[in-house]
Amino acid sequence: MSQLQEMEKRLADGQREYVLDVKTQDMEINMGPQHPATHGVLRVVLTADGEVLTSATPYVGYIHRCAEKIGESVDYKMFLPYTDRYDYLAAMNNNVGYCLAVEKAGGIEVPPRATWLRMIICELNRIGSHLIAFGTYGLDLGAFTPFLYGFREREWVMSLFEKLCGARLTYSYAYPGGVINDAPEGWLDELLRFCDVFDKKYQEYDALLTRNKIFIERTRNVGIVTKDQALRYGWTGPSLRASGVRFDVRESQPYLFYDQISFDVPIGRGEMGTTGDCWDRYYVRMLEMLQCTRMLRQCVERIQADTTPGEFLTKLKNYRITPGEAYVGIDNPRGELGHYVVADGKDVAYRIKIRGPSFCNLSILPEILPGAMLADAVAIIGSMDIVLGEVDR
């Protein structure tokens, strides 16, 4: 009797070979909260069968600071610096979004020059934020040089902001009723020079990373998010548009003066793989930076032709807003940042609710990570360009 037949006989008799009783289980891996590729204090508990992920559970809240409750405890003006700090890579956009909600609730008029300046700082900050996304995504996938290239132009963006308001990261520049000060002499001309230089430097980014063979292989057909999935999870911004959905708050629900300028809305087309993959999410952000310089030039032309220097703030005696409520959503670099303000006639909001786009984008991880390779987890998370200060607030 062969060894195999003898084993089968023992199994038939209810006896099992010891080696057949050995059971395996998926390996549990903690990615974060102290991991550079999570872009903040994010913990993702992964389970893997060999190199293939079988589940993913994100844990957030490590830097929760009760921003919304603080907004209900201090007056409208005092809450402004807190808005800088939830998406600290797009602080100008945060300032503008909050001010628009307060102004809508209170019926506060804003001078046209302030509105054009707000559009300028929003689009300039979008470039600065996307440059961080470009550089750090390269780092995530093993390319160090893009990080240095991205920070080269970002440094100029920070210098422009410093000349405008004295700060380089958290600005508190937009203010209920307008902005805190006008653009200094020569600032708009320097902004135009930046746009000219940036359009040329963009070609270097494109050659360095976008068309890099290794980068393409690491990102195409990886982390595919379909239109249906993106909509079900409340995705907005570049990540949603990368899945082929043409939705941009600036175009569909114009705020500020976006309906007075022209721009294109880049969407994912599956150019290197499948629509909605990591490469599409990366490339949509790259194309958006070119649209930003296009919009900035138009804004500079309009602010110089249609407004008077010095008219940048509507001064109010008090900020006691009549009872009512207002919601304003704006297109931040990571998606729709929404502020919901409920006023009860005092100078302190009765309720403030913040819609953070990164929170919605992050929530899809348990659905799209299972089935991916372990090494692709970094590529997928990095492609979403999340900021944990905004997730946790």
Foldseek 3Di string as FASTA:
>chain_A
DDPVVVQVVCVVVVHHDPVVPDDDDWDWDWQACPHVLLQHRKTWIWTHDVQFTAFIDIDAQPPFDPLFVVLQVDFLQVSLLVQCFLQQLQQLVSSVQSLVFLCVLFVADADLLLLLVSLLSQLLSLLLLLLCLLQVLCVLLPHNVSVVLSVVLSVVSQVLLCQAANGRTRGSQAGNFFGDFFRDPPSLVVLLVSLVVVVVSLVVSCVPALPDPSNLVLWAPALAAALVNCVVLVAFALLNQQNVDPDACCPPVNDRVSVVADFDQHGHDQPSHDRNILSSLSVSSSVSSNRSSVVSVVSSVCSVPPHDHPRGGDDDPASQGDFDKGKDWHQHSLGTWMWIFGHHRGSRTNGIDIDQNLLSVVVCCRPRRRRGGNSSVSSNSSSSSHHSSNNND
